[in-house]
Amino acid sequence: MLSRNVQPRVHHREDGFLLIEALVSILIFAFGMLALLGFQSMAINNTVHGKYRTDASYFANSIIGQMMVDRANVANYADSSSMSANRVAWDAEVASALPNGSTSVSIAGGSEVTVVVSWRNPDEPADEFHNYTAIAQVVF
């Protein structure tokens, strides 16, 4: 029988340390990736909400511009049962472009027009609405 020179394995304190280092580095990397995904999600959410604010501003200013062009019929743009066709079309456009979009137009003192465009973001509670208010003088 051939005898080999077999020495008993000596356990050192460093055994397995490389594995622990690798696991810790993977854990740190995973937390970094989760944080990056969270920031990306927040950026997308803020972009969508910013688009709604921009759209509301555009709609409010567009109806004010329409009222300035149609000065003789400004009273027909106010909230009433006899709204002009332009106002009805504008209301429909706002309702379709903004989530839960609604509008309000009031005229005070004969020339001060207040336009309020409201909407509710889909990811927010049902009682939380956002408003954009524009006030203009339409002299006729």
Protein backbone atom coordinates (compact mmCIF):
# COMPACT_ATOMS: atom_id res chain seq x y z
CA MET A 1 0.00 0.00 0.00
CA LEU A 2 1.19 3.39 -0.94
CA SER A 3 1.10 5.85 1.76
CA ARG A 4 0.54 9.44 1.12
CA ASN A 5 1.68 12.25 3.13
CA VAL A 6 -1.69 13.57 4.20
CA GLN A 7 -1.67 16.34 6.67
CA PRO A 8 -4.76 17.18 8.67
CA ARG A 9 -6.45 20.34 7.56
CA VAL A 10 -5.82 23.24 9.84
CA HIS A 11 -8.78 25.61 10.30
CA HIS A 12 -7.81 29.19 10.14
CA ARG A 13 -9.82 32.09 11.49
CA GLU A 14 -10.09 33.61 7.99
CA ASP A 15 -12.03 30.73 6.49
CA GLY A 16 -15.30 31.99 5.02
CA PHE A 17 -14.36 35.64 5.36
CA LEU A 18 -14.33 36.14 1.59
CA LEU A 19 -17.87 34.77 1.40
CA ILE A 20 -19.06 37.22 4.07
CA GLU A 21 -17.39 40.11 2.21
CA ALA A 22 -19.14 39.09 -1.00
CA LEU A 23 -22.54 38.84 0.72
CA VAL A 24 -22.13 42.25 2.38
CA SER A 25 -21.12 43.86 -0.93
CA ILE A 26 -24.16 42.30 -2.67
CA LEU A 27 -26.40 43.63 0.12
CA ILE A 28 -24.99 47.15 -0.22
CA PHE A 29 -25.40 46.99 -4.01
CA ALA A 30 -29.03 45.83 -3.63
CA PHE A 31 -29.88 48.73 -1.29
CA GLY A 32 -28.27 51.13 -3.76
CA MET A 33 -30.37 49.76 -6.61
CA LEU A 34 -33.55 50.03 -4.51
CA ALA A 35 -32.74 53.65 -3.70
CA LEU A 36 -32.11 54.37 -7.39
CA LEU A 37 -35.47 52.83 -8.34
CA GLY A 38 -37.17 54.93 -5.65
CA PHE A 39 -35.62 58.13 -7.02
CA GLN A 40 -36.64 57.17 -10.55
CA SER A 41 -40.22 56.55 -9.42
CA MET A 42 -40.36 59.93 -7.66
CA ALA A 43 -38.97 61.68 -10.75
CA ILE A 44 -41.61 60.13 -13.00
CA ASN A 45 -44.36 61.00 -10.51
CA ASN A 46 -43.21 64.62 -10.26
CA THR A 47 -43.02 64.90 -14.04
CA VAL A 48 -46.61 63.69 -14.43
CA HIS A 49 -47.87 66.08 -11.75
CA GLY A 50 -45.95 68.93 -13.38
CA LYS A 51 -47.62 68.13 -16.70
CA TYR A 52 -51.05 68.42 -15.06
CA ARG A 53 -50.12 71.83 -13.62
CA THR A 54 -48.84 73.00 -17.01
CA ASP A 55 -51.98 71.76 -18.76
CA ALA A 56 -54.21 73.54 -16.23
CA SER A 57 -52.31 76.79 -16.81
CA TYR A 58 -52.64 76.39 -20.56
CA PHE A 59 -56.39 75.74 -20.37
CA ALA A 60 -57.05 78.71 -18.07
CA ASN A 61 -55.09 81.06 -20.29
CA SER A 62 -56.69 79.71 -23.46
CA ILE A 63 -60.24 80.44 -22.25
CA ILE A 64 -59.17 83.91 -21.11
CA GLY A 65 -57.74 84.52 -24.57
CA GLN A 66 -60.95 83.28 -26.16
CA MET A 67 -62.95 85.64 -23.92
CA MET A 68 -60.77 88.58 -24.97
CA VAL A 69 -61.43 87.79 -28.62
CA ASP A 70 -65.17 87.40 -27.98
CA ARG A 71 -65.57 90.42 -25.67
CA ALA A 72 -69.18 91.08 -26.67
CA ASN A 73 -70.23 87.70 -25.22
CA VAL A 74 -68.04 87.53 -22.11
CA ALA A 75 -71.06 87.04 -19.86
CA ASN A 76 -71.85 83.78 -21.69
CA TYR A 77 -68.56 82.25 -20.47
CA ALA A 78 -69.51 82.45 -16.79
CA ASP A 79 -70.94 79.42 -14.96
CA SER A 80 -74.60 79.44 -15.94
CA SER A 81 -77.18 77.51 -17.89
CA SER A 82 -76.61 79.65 -21.01
CA MET A 83 -72.89 79.04 -21.56
CA SER A 84 -71.42 79.71 -25.00
CA ALA A 85 -70.47 76.85 -27.30
CA ASN A 86 -66.79 77.80 -26.85
CA ARG A 87 -67.13 77.41 -23.09
CA VAL A 88 -68.88 74.04 -23.39
CA ALA A 89 -66.16 72.77 -25.76
CA TRP A 90 -63.46 74.08 -23.40
CA ASP A 91 -65.06 72.31 -20.42
CA ALA A 92 -65.09 69.05 -22.38
CA GLU A 93 -61.45 69.48 -23.38
CA VAL A 94 -60.37 70.10 -19.77
CA ALA A 95 -62.38 67.11 -18.53
CA SER A 96 -60.73 64.83 -21.07
CA ALA A 97 -57.16 66.13 -20.62
CA LEU A 98 -56.95 66.32 -16.83
CA PRO A 99 -57.82 63.49 -14.44
CA ASN A 100 -61.14 64.38 -12.79
CA GLY A 101 -60.83 67.80 -14.42
CA SER A 102 -63.42 70.48 -13.76
CA THR A 103 -63.70 74.21 -14.40
CA SER A 104 -65.24 77.34 -13.01
CA VAL A 105 -65.47 80.80 -14.57
CA SER A 106 -66.83 83.81 -12.73
CA ILE A 107 -67.09 87.45 -13.70
CA ALA A 108 -67.01 90.17 -11.05
CA GLY A 109 -67.47 93.89 -11.50
CA GLY A 110 -68.26 93.49 -15.16
CA SER A 111 -64.64 92.95 -16.26
CA GLU A 112 -62.68 90.87 -13.74
CA VAL A 113 -62.68 87.25 -14.87
CA THR A 114 -61.62 84.46 -12.51
CA VAL A 115 -60.92 81.07 -14.08
CA VAL A 116 -60.34 78.03 -11.86
CA VAL A 117 -59.20 74.71 -13.31
CA SER A 118 -59.33 71.81 -10.84
CA TRP A 119 -58.07 68.25 -11.08
CA ARG A 120 -57.28 65.28 -8.86
CA ASN A 121 -54.21 63.16 -9.49
CA PRO A 122 -55.09 59.48 -9.87
CA ASP A 123 -52.73 58.40 -7.07
CA GLU A 124 -54.13 60.80 -4.46
CA PRO A 125 -57.11 60.58 -2.09
CA ALA A 126 -60.56 61.36 -3.48
CA ASP A 127 -60.90 64.55 -1.42
CA GLU A 128 -57.58 66.10 -2.48
CA PHE A 129 -57.99 68.39 -5.48
CA HIS A 130 -55.48 70.74 -7.07
CA ASN A 131 -56.53 74.13 -8.42
CA TYR A 132 -55.03 76.56 -10.85
CA THR A 133 -56.57 80.04 -10.66
CA ALA A 134 -56.11 82.79 -13.23
CA ILE A 135 -57.53 86.29 -12.84
CA ALA A 136 -57.70 88.71 -15.76
CA GLN A 137 -59.33 91.99 -16.71
CA VAL A 138 -61.41 91.64 -19.86
CA VAL A 139 -62.58 95.12 -20.81
CA PHE A 140 -65.39 95.31 -23.32
